[in-house]
Amino acid sequence: MLVVPDVICNAGGVTVSYFEWVQDFSSFFWDEDEINVRLDRIMMNALNHIWDTADKHKITLRTATYAVACERILTARQERGLYP
């Protein structure tokens, strides 16, 4: 049985909320089709990265999701530094 981590299942709504914030902030609006295309691309890239990580390390999708999240945090800290 395949269990998709809840953070991936819930990420679509959070991502669309971010799109709404960007649109409001920039006074630039996308139609529903454009939002769906952007959302699909982001979600598929995220799931593929998690799937590949799980396959590479022979771990569950849940553990792979956590590993990818930690990896992204460490990368951001290296690139941006630690904010006070």
PDB file of N, CA and C in Angstrom:
ATOM      1  N   MET A   1       0.846  -1.181   0.000  1.00  0.00           N
ATOM      2  CA  MET A   1       0.000   0.000   0.000  1.00  0.00           C
ATOM      3  C   MET A   1       0.892   1.245   0.000  1.00  0.00           C
ATOM      4  N   LEU A   2       0.597   2.166  -0.858  1.00  0.00           N
ATOM      5  CA  LEU A   2       1.328   3.416  -0.955  1.00  0.00           C
ATOM      6  C   LEU A   2       0.685   4.453  -0.043  1.00  0.00           C
ATOM      7  N   VAL A   3       1.480   5.046   0.827  1.00  0.00           N
ATOM      8  CA  VAL A   3       0.998   6.104   1.710  1.00  0.00           C
ATOM      9  C   VAL A   3       1.741   7.386   1.349  1.00  0.00           C
ATOM     10  N   VAL A   4       1.015   8.374   0.878  1.00  0.00           N
ATOM     11  CA  VAL A   4       1.598   9.662   0.526  1.00  0.00           C
ATOM     12  C   VAL A   4       1.643  10.508   1.793  1.00  0.00           C
ATOM     13  N   PRO A   5       2.803  11.070   2.117  1.00  0.00           N
ATOM     14  CA  PRO A   5       2.921  11.873   3.334  1.00  0.00           C
ATOM     15  C   PRO A   5       1.948  13.045   3.345  1.00  0.00           C
ATOM     16  N   ASP A   6       1.415  13.332   4.525  1.00  0.00           N
ATOM     17  CA  ASP A   6       0.412  14.390   4.641  1.00  0.00           C
ATOM     18  C   ASP A   6       0.952  15.748   4.226  1.00  0.00           C
ATOM     19  N   VAL A   7       2.226  15.991   4.428  1.00  0.00           N
ATOM     20  CA  VAL A   7       2.788  17.287   4.049  1.00  0.00           C
ATOM     21  C   VAL A   7       2.696  17.487   2.533  1.00  0.00           C
ATOM     22  N   ILE A   8       2.798  16.418   1.770  1.00  0.00           N
ATOM     23  CA  ILE A   8       2.640  16.520   0.311  1.00  0.00           C
ATOM     24  C   ILE A   8       1.165  16.705  -0.043  1.00  0.00           C
ATOM     25  N   CYS A   9       0.300  15.966   0.616  1.00  0.00           N
ATOM     26  CA  CYS A   9      -1.146  16.079   0.346  1.00  0.00           C
ATOM     27  C   CYS A   9      -1.660  17.482   0.635  1.00  0.00           C
ATOM     28  N   ASN A  10      -1.153  18.108   1.691  1.00  0.00           N
ATOM     29  CA  ASN A  10      -1.633  19.431   2.098  1.00  0.00           C
ATOM     30  C   ASN A  10      -0.897  20.573   1.407  1.00  0.00           C
ATOM     31  N   ALA A  11       0.201  20.268   0.751  1.00  0.00           N
ATOM     32  CA  ALA A  11       1.024  21.322   0.165  1.00  0.00           C
ATOM     33  C   ALA A  11       0.330  22.053  -0.978  1.00  0.00           C
ATOM     34  N   GLY A  12      -0.582  21.400  -1.662  1.00  0.00           N
ATOM     35  CA  GLY A  12      -1.276  22.055  -2.771  1.00  0.00           C
ATOM     36  C   GLY A  12      -2.045  23.281  -2.334  1.00  0.00           C
ATOM     37  N   GLY A  13      -2.765  23.165  -1.238  1.00  0.00           N
ATOM     38  CA  GLY A  13      -3.530  24.298  -0.723  1.00  0.00           C
ATOM     39  C   GLY A  13      -2.632  25.432  -0.265  1.00  0.00           C
ATOM     40  N   VAL A  14      -1.539  25.076   0.377  1.00  0.00           N
ATOM     41  CA  VAL A  14      -0.584  26.088   0.846  1.00  0.00           C
ATOM     42  C   VAL A  14       0.067  26.780  -0.343  1.00  0.00           C
ATOM     43  N   THR A  15       0.391  26.026  -1.368  1.00  0.00           N
ATOM     44  CA  THR A  15       1.011  26.593  -2.566  1.00  0.00           C
ATOM     45  C   THR A  15       0.075  27.558  -3.275  1.00  0.00           C
ATOM     46  N   VAL A  16      -1.191  27.197  -3.385  1.00  0.00           N
ATOM     47  CA  VAL A  16      -2.161  28.090  -4.022  1.00  0.00           C
ATOM     48  C   VAL A  16      -2.358  29.348  -3.164  1.00  0.00           C
ATOM     49  N   SER A  17      -2.330  29.215  -1.854  1.00  0.00           N
ATOM     50  CA  SER A  17      -2.398  30.395  -0.983  1.00  0.00           C
ATOM     51  C   SER A  17      -1.218  31.324  -1.240  1.00  0.00           C
ATOM     52  N   TYR A  18      -0.037  30.736  -1.444  1.00  0.00           N
ATOM     53  CA  TYR A  18       1.141  31.531  -1.785  1.00  0.00           C
ATOM     54  C   TYR A  18       0.928  32.241  -3.126  1.00  0.00           C
ATOM     55  N   PHE A  19       0.386  31.527  -4.106  1.00  0.00           N
ATOM     56  CA  PHE A  19       0.089  32.157  -5.397  1.00  0.00           C
ATOM     57  C   PHE A  19      -0.836  33.359  -5.205  1.00  0.00           C
ATOM     58  N   GLU A  20      -1.844  33.221  -4.357  1.00  0.00           N
ATOM     59  CA  GLU A  20      -2.770  34.324  -4.099  1.00  0.00           C
ATOM     60  C   GLU A  20      -2.031  35.511  -3.493  1.00  0.00           C
ATOM     61  N   TRP A  21      -1.128  35.240  -2.557  1.00  0.00           N
ATOM     62  CA  TRP A  21      -0.354  36.300  -1.920  1.00  0.00           C
ATOM     63  C   TRP A  21       0.500  37.021  -2.958  1.00  0.00           C
ATOM     64  N   VAL A  22       1.180  36.264  -3.822  1.00  0.00           N
ATOM     65  CA  VAL A  22       2.033  36.850  -4.863  1.00  0.00           C
ATOM     66  C   VAL A  22       1.192  37.715  -5.796  1.00  0.00           C
ATOM     67  N   GLN A  23       0.037  37.212  -6.185  1.00  0.00           N
ATOM     68  CA  GLN A  23      -0.816  37.969  -7.092  1.00  0.00           C
ATOM     69  C   GLN A  23      -1.304  39.259  -6.444  1.00  0.00           C
ATOM     70  N   ASP A  24      -1.738  39.186  -5.200  1.00  0.00           N
ATOM     71  CA  ASP A  24      -2.206  40.384  -4.498  1.00  0.00           C
ATOM     72  C   ASP A  24      -1.075  41.391  -4.319  1.00  0.00           C
ATOM     73  N   PHE A  25       0.097  40.896  -3.964  1.00  0.00           N
ATOM     74  CA  PHE A  25       1.245  41.757  -3.710  1.00  0.00           C
ATOM     75  C   PHE A  25       1.690  42.492  -4.977  1.00  0.00           C
ATOM     76  N   SER A  26       1.643  41.801  -6.097  1.00  0.00           N
ATOM     77  CA  SER A  26       2.142  42.377  -7.351  1.00  0.00           C
ATOM     78  C   SER A  26       1.044  42.945  -8.245  1.00  0.00           C
ATOM     79  N   SER A  27      -0.206  42.822  -7.829  1.00  0.00           N
ATOM     80  CA  SER A  27      -1.353  43.257  -8.637  1.00  0.00           C
ATOM     81  C   SER A  27      -1.323  42.634 -10.029  1.00  0.00           C
ATOM     82  N   PHE A  28      -0.919  41.373 -10.056  1.00  0.00           N
ATOM     83  CA  PHE A  28      -0.862  40.611 -11.294  1.00  0.00           C
ATOM     84  C   PHE A  28      -1.636  39.330 -11.064  1.00  0.00           C
ATOM     85  N   PHE A  29      -2.589  39.030 -11.928  1.00  0.00           N
ATOM     86  CA  PHE A  29      -3.477  37.911 -11.652  1.00  0.00           C
ATOM     87  C   PHE A  29      -3.427  36.872 -12.765  1.00  0.00           C
ATOM     88  N   TRP A  30      -3.392  35.604 -12.346  1.00  0.00           N
ATOM     89  CA  TRP A  30      -3.390  34.481 -13.268  1.00  0.00           C
ATOM     90  C   TRP A  30      -4.805  33.908 -13.339  1.00  0.00           C
ATOM     91  N   ASP A  31      -5.140  33.334 -14.478  1.00  0.00           N
ATOM     92  CA  ASP A  31      -6.423  32.661 -14.559  1.00  0.00           C
ATOM     93  C   ASP A  31      -6.286  31.253 -13.952  1.00  0.00           C
ATOM     94  N   GLU A  32      -7.398  30.586 -13.799  1.00  0.00           N
ATOM     95  CA  GLU A  32      -7.412  29.276 -13.145  1.00  0.00           C
ATOM     96  C   GLU A  32      -6.521  28.259 -13.861  1.00  0.00           C
ATOM     97  N   ASP A  33      -6.517  28.287 -15.177  1.00  0.00           N
ATOM     98  CA  ASP A  33      -5.680  27.346 -15.929  1.00  0.00           C
ATOM     99  C   ASP A  33      -4.198  27.560 -15.630  1.00  0.00           C
ATOM    100  N   GLU A  34      -3.765  28.815 -15.576  1.00  0.00           N
ATOM    101  CA  GLU A  34      -2.363  29.121 -15.289  1.00  0.00           C
ATOM    102  C   GLU A  34      -1.986  28.680 -13.874  1.00  0.00           C
ATOM    103  N   ILE A  35      -2.872  28.898 -12.930  1.00  0.00           N
ATOM    104  CA  ILE A  35      -2.622  28.458 -11.554  1.00  0.00           C
ATOM    105  C   ILE A  35      -2.486  26.941 -11.503  1.00  0.00           C
ATOM    106  N   ASN A  36      -3.366  26.235 -12.200  1.00  0.00           N
ATOM    107  CA  ASN A  36      -3.305  24.771 -12.207  1.00  0.00           C
ATOM    108  C   ASN A  36      -2.022  24.254 -12.852  1.00  0.00           C
ATOM    109  N   VAL A  37      -1.569  24.904 -13.907  1.00  0.00           N
ATOM    110  CA  VAL A  37      -0.317  24.505 -14.565  1.00  0.00           C
ATOM    111  C   VAL A  37       0.859  24.711 -13.617  1.00  0.00           C
ATOM    112  N   ARG A  38       0.911  25.879 -12.966  1.00  0.00           N
ATOM    113  CA  ARG A  38       1.994  26.171 -12.026  1.00  0.00           C
ATOM    114  C   ARG A  38       1.961  25.203 -10.838  1.00  0.00           C
ATOM    115  N   LEU A  39       0.774  24.958 -10.314  1.00  0.00           N
ATOM    116  CA  LEU A  39       0.630  24.057  -9.171  1.00  0.00           C
ATOM    117  C   LEU A  39       1.056  22.640  -9.549  1.00  0.00           C
ATOM    118  N   ASP A  40       0.614  22.174 -10.702  1.00  0.00           N
ATOM    119  CA  ASP A  40       0.959  20.828 -11.145  1.00  0.00           C
ATOM    120  C   ASP A  40       2.471  20.672 -11.286  1.00  0.00           C
ATOM    121  N   ARG A  41       3.121  21.672 -11.873  1.00  0.00           N
ATOM    122  CA  ARG A  41       4.573  21.604 -12.058  1.00  0.00           C
ATOM    123  C   ARG A  41       5.302  21.543 -10.707  1.00  0.00           C
ATOM    124  N   ILE A  42       4.917  22.389  -9.783  1.00  0.00           N
ATOM    125  CA  ILE A  42       5.563  22.419  -8.467  1.00  0.00           C
ATOM    126  C   ILE A  42       5.327  21.117  -7.708  1.00  0.00           C
ATOM    127  N   MET A  43       4.092  20.643  -7.704  1.00  0.00           N
ATOM    128  CA  MET A  43       3.769  19.432  -6.946  1.00  0.00           C
ATOM    129  C   MET A  43       4.433  18.194  -7.554  1.00  0.00           C
ATOM    130  N   MET A  44       4.460  18.107  -8.865  1.00  0.00           N
ATOM    131  CA  MET A  44       5.097  16.959  -9.509  1.00  0.00           C
ATOM    132  C   MET A  44       6.606  16.961  -9.282  1.00  0.00           C
ATOM    133  N   ASN A  45       7.223  18.139  -9.346  1.00  0.00           N
ATOM    134  CA  ASN A  45       8.660  18.225  -9.063  1.00  0.00           C
ATOM    135  C   ASN A  45       8.956  17.807  -7.630  1.00  0.00           C
ATOM    136  N   ALA A  46       8.147  18.262  -6.697  1.00  0.00           N
ATOM    137  CA  ALA A  46       8.350  17.906  -5.291  1.00  0.00           C
ATOM    138  C   ALA A  46       8.173  16.407  -5.075  1.00  0.00           C
ATOM    139  N   LEU A  47       7.114  15.848  -5.612  1.00  0.00           N
ATOM    140  CA  LEU A  47       6.870  14.419  -5.436  1.00  0.00           C
ATOM    141  C   LEU A  47       7.956  13.580  -6.111  1.00  0.00           C
ATOM    142  N   ASN A  48       8.388  13.980  -7.285  1.00  0.00           N
ATOM    143  CA  ASN A  48       9.462  13.251  -7.963  1.00  0.00           C
ATOM    144  C   ASN A  48      10.753  13.280  -7.162  1.00  0.00           C
ATOM    145  N   HIS A  49      11.077  14.427  -6.569  1.00  0.00           N
ATOM    146  CA  HIS A  49      12.282  14.528  -5.748  1.00  0.00           C
ATOM    147  C   HIS A  49      12.179  13.603  -4.530  1.00  0.00           C
ATOM    148  N   ILE A  50      11.031  13.612  -3.898  1.00  0.00           N
ATOM    149  CA  ILE A  50      10.822  12.751  -2.734  1.00  0.00           C
ATOM    150  C   ILE A  50      10.856  11.277  -3.140  1.00  0.00           C
ATOM    151  N   TRP A  51      10.199  10.956  -4.238  1.00  0.00           N
ATOM    152  CA  TRP A  51      10.168   9.573  -4.719  1.00  0.00           C
ATOM    153  C   TRP A  51      11.581   9.083  -5.023  1.00  0.00           C
ATOM    154  N   ASP A  52      12.368   9.920  -5.716  1.00  0.00           N
ATOM    155  CA  ASP A  52      13.739   9.552  -6.051  1.00  0.00           C
ATOM    156  C   ASP A  52      14.592   9.367  -4.794  1.00  0.00           C
ATOM    157  N   THR A  53      14.407  10.229  -3.806  1.00  0.00           N
ATOM    158  CA  THR A  53      15.147  10.113  -2.554  1.00  0.00           C
ATOM    159  C   THR A  53      14.785   8.821  -1.834  1.00  0.00           C
ATOM    160  N   ALA A  54      13.504   8.511  -1.789  1.00  0.00           N
ATOM    161  CA  ALA A  54      13.061   7.273  -1.137  1.00  0.00           C
ATOM    162  C   ALA A  54      13.640   6.058  -1.841  1.00  0.00           C
ATOM    163  N   ASP A  55      13.620   6.084  -3.162  1.00  0.00           N
ATOM    164  CA  ASP A  55      14.137   4.961  -3.936  1.00  0.00           C
ATOM    165  C   ASP A  55      15.658   4.816  -3.772  1.00  0.00           C
ATOM    166  N   LYS A  56      16.350   5.927  -3.814  1.00  0.00           N
ATOM    167  CA  LYS A  56      17.812   5.924  -3.706  1.00  0.00           C
ATOM    168  C   LYS A  56      18.288   5.369  -2.367  1.00  0.00           C
ATOM    169  N   HIS A  57      17.615   5.765  -1.285  1.00  0.00           N
ATOM    170  CA  HIS A  57      18.049   5.378   0.059  1.00  0.00           C
ATOM    171  C   HIS A  57      17.251   4.209   0.634  1.00  0.00           C
ATOM    172  N   LYS A  58      16.290   3.703  -0.155  1.00  0.00           N
ATOM    173  CA  LYS A  58      15.444   2.580   0.292  1.00  0.00           C
ATOM    174  C   LYS A  58      14.743   2.913   1.615  1.00  0.00           C
ATOM    175  N   ILE A  59      14.075   4.064   1.626  1.00  0.00           N
ATOM    176  CA  ILE A  59      13.340   4.528   2.802  1.00  0.00           C
ATOM    177  C   ILE A  59      11.900   4.828   2.394  1.00  0.00           C
ATOM    178  N   THR A  60      11.046   5.031   3.388  1.00  0.00           N
ATOM    179  CA  THR A  60       9.641   5.342   3.108  1.00  0.00           C
ATOM    180  C   THR A  60       9.519   6.752   2.536  1.00  0.00           C
ATOM    181  N   LEU A  61       8.373   7.013   1.906  1.00  0.00           N
ATOM    182  CA  LEU A  61       8.127   8.360   1.394  1.00  0.00           C
ATOM    183  C   LEU A  61       8.094   9.379   2.531  1.00  0.00           C
ATOM    184  N   ARG A  62       7.586   8.974   3.675  1.00  0.00           N
ATOM    185  CA  ARG A  62       7.532   9.887   4.818  1.00  0.00           C
ATOM    186  C   ARG A  62       8.936  10.281   5.256  1.00  0.00           C
ATOM    187  N   THR A  63       9.820   9.307   5.386  1.00  0.00           N
ATOM    188  CA  THR A  63      11.192   9.589   5.785  1.00  0.00           C
ATOM    189  C   THR A  63      11.905  10.403   4.707  1.00  0.00           C
ATOM    190  N   ALA A  64      11.644  10.070   3.444  1.00  0.00           N
ATOM    191  CA  ALA A  64      12.251  10.818   2.337  1.00  0.00           C
ATOM    192  C   ALA A  64      11.783  12.271   2.335  1.00  0.00           C
ATOM    193  N   THR A  65      10.525  12.503   2.656  1.00  0.00           N
ATOM    194  CA  THR A  65      10.001  13.866   2.735  1.00  0.00           C
ATOM    195  C   THR A  65      10.739  14.648   3.801  1.00  0.00           C
ATOM    196  N   TYR A  66      10.942  14.021   4.949  1.00  0.00           N
ATOM    197  CA  TYR A  66      11.674  14.667   6.038  1.00  0.00           C
ATOM    198  C   TYR A  66      13.120  14.941   5.616  1.00  0.00           C
ATOM    199  N   ALA A  67      13.755  13.984   4.954  1.00  0.00           N
ATOM    200  CA  ALA A  67      15.142  14.146   4.504  1.00  0.00           C
ATOM    201  C   ALA A  67      15.266  15.291   3.501  1.00  0.00           C
ATOM    202  N   VAL A  68      14.337  15.363   2.565  1.00  0.00           N
ATOM    203  CA  VAL A  68      14.362  16.436   1.562  1.00  0.00           C
ATOM    204  C   VAL A  68      14.152  17.793   2.238  1.00  0.00           C
ATOM    205  N   ALA A  69      13.238  17.855   3.196  1.00  0.00           N
ATOM    206  CA  ALA A  69      12.999  19.109   3.924  1.00  0.00           C
ATOM    207  C   ALA A  69      14.262  19.554   4.659  1.00  0.00           C
ATOM    208  N   CYS A  70      14.919  18.632   5.337  1.00  0.00           N
ATOM    209  CA  CYS A  70      16.158  18.961   6.057  1.00  0.00           C
ATOM    210  C   CYS A  70      17.240  19.418   5.086  1.00  0.00           C
ATOM    211  N   GLU A  71      17.330  18.747   3.965  1.00  0.00           N
ATOM    212  CA  GLU A  71      18.308  19.110   2.935  1.00  0.00           C
ATOM    213  C   GLU A  71      18.070  20.533   2.441  1.00  0.00           C
ATOM    214  N   ARG A  72      16.820  20.888   2.218  1.00  0.00           N
ATOM    215  CA  ARG A  72      16.490  22.239   1.742  1.00  0.00           C
ATOM    216  C   ARG A  72      16.807  23.296   2.790  1.00  0.00           C
ATOM    217  N   ILE A  73      16.553  22.984   4.045  1.00  0.00           N
ATOM    218  CA  ILE A  73      16.866  23.927   5.124  1.00  0.00           C
ATOM    219  C   ILE A  73      18.377  24.154   5.191  1.00  0.00           C
ATOM    220  N   LEU A  74      19.148  23.073   5.133  1.00  0.00           N
ATOM    221  CA  LEU A  74      20.607  23.200   5.193  1.00  0.00           C
ATOM    222  C   LEU A  74      21.149  23.976   3.995  1.00  0.00           C
ATOM    223  N   THR A  75      20.595  23.737   2.819  1.00  0.00           N
ATOM    224  CA  THR A  75      21.029  24.453   1.622  1.00  0.00           C
ATOM    225  C   THR A  75      20.722  25.943   1.751  1.00  0.00           C
ATOM    226  N   ALA A  76      19.524  26.261   2.210  1.00  0.00           N
ATOM    227  CA  ALA A  76      19.147  27.673   2.390  1.00  0.00           C
ATOM    228  C   ALA A  76      20.047  28.343   3.412  1.00  0.00           C
ATOM    229  N   ARG A  77      20.367  27.645   4.476  1.00  0.00           N
ATOM    230  CA  ARG A  77      21.248  28.227   5.510  1.00  0.00           C
ATOM    231  C   ARG A  77      22.638  28.477   4.947  1.00  0.00           C
ATOM    232  N   GLN A  78      23.142  27.562   4.140  1.00  0.00           N
ATOM    233  CA  GLN A  78      24.461  27.749   3.531  1.00  0.00           C
ATOM    234  C   GLN A  78      24.461  28.936   2.557  1.00  0.00           C
ATOM    235  N   GLU A  79      23.397  29.068   1.790  1.00  0.00           N
ATOM    236  CA  GLU A  79      23.331  30.123   0.783  1.00  0.00           C
ATOM    237  C   GLU A  79      23.035  31.494   1.370  1.00  0.00           C
ATOM    238  N   ARG A  80      22.186  31.540   2.399  1.00  0.00           N
ATOM    239  CA  ARG A  80      21.719  32.815   2.942  1.00  0.00           C
ATOM    240  C   ARG A  80      22.340  33.175   4.286  1.00  0.00           C
ATOM    241  N   GLY A  81      22.889  32.184   4.958  1.00  0.00           N
ATOM    242  CA  GLY A  81      23.385  32.439   6.296  1.00  0.00           C
ATOM    243  C   GLY A  81      22.279  32.272   7.314  1.00  0.00           C
ATOM    244  N   LEU A  82      22.648  32.341   8.563  1.00  0.00           N
ATOM    245  CA  LEU A  82      21.682  32.181   9.651  1.00  0.00           C
ATOM    246  C   LEU A  82      21.203  33.549  10.077  1.00  0.00           C
ATOM    247  N   TYR A  83      19.905  33.786   9.953  1.00  0.00           N
ATOM    248  CA  TYR A  83      19.356  35.078  10.353  1.00  0.00           C
ATOM    249  C   TYR A  83      19.210  35.124  11.872  1.00  0.00           C
ATOM    250  N   PRO A  84      19.447  36.295  12.434  1.00  0.00           N
ATOM    251  CA  PRO A  84      19.290  36.412  13.911  1.00  0.00           C
ATOM    252  C   PRO A  84      17.862  36.244  14.359  1.00  0.00           C
TER     253      PRO A  84
END
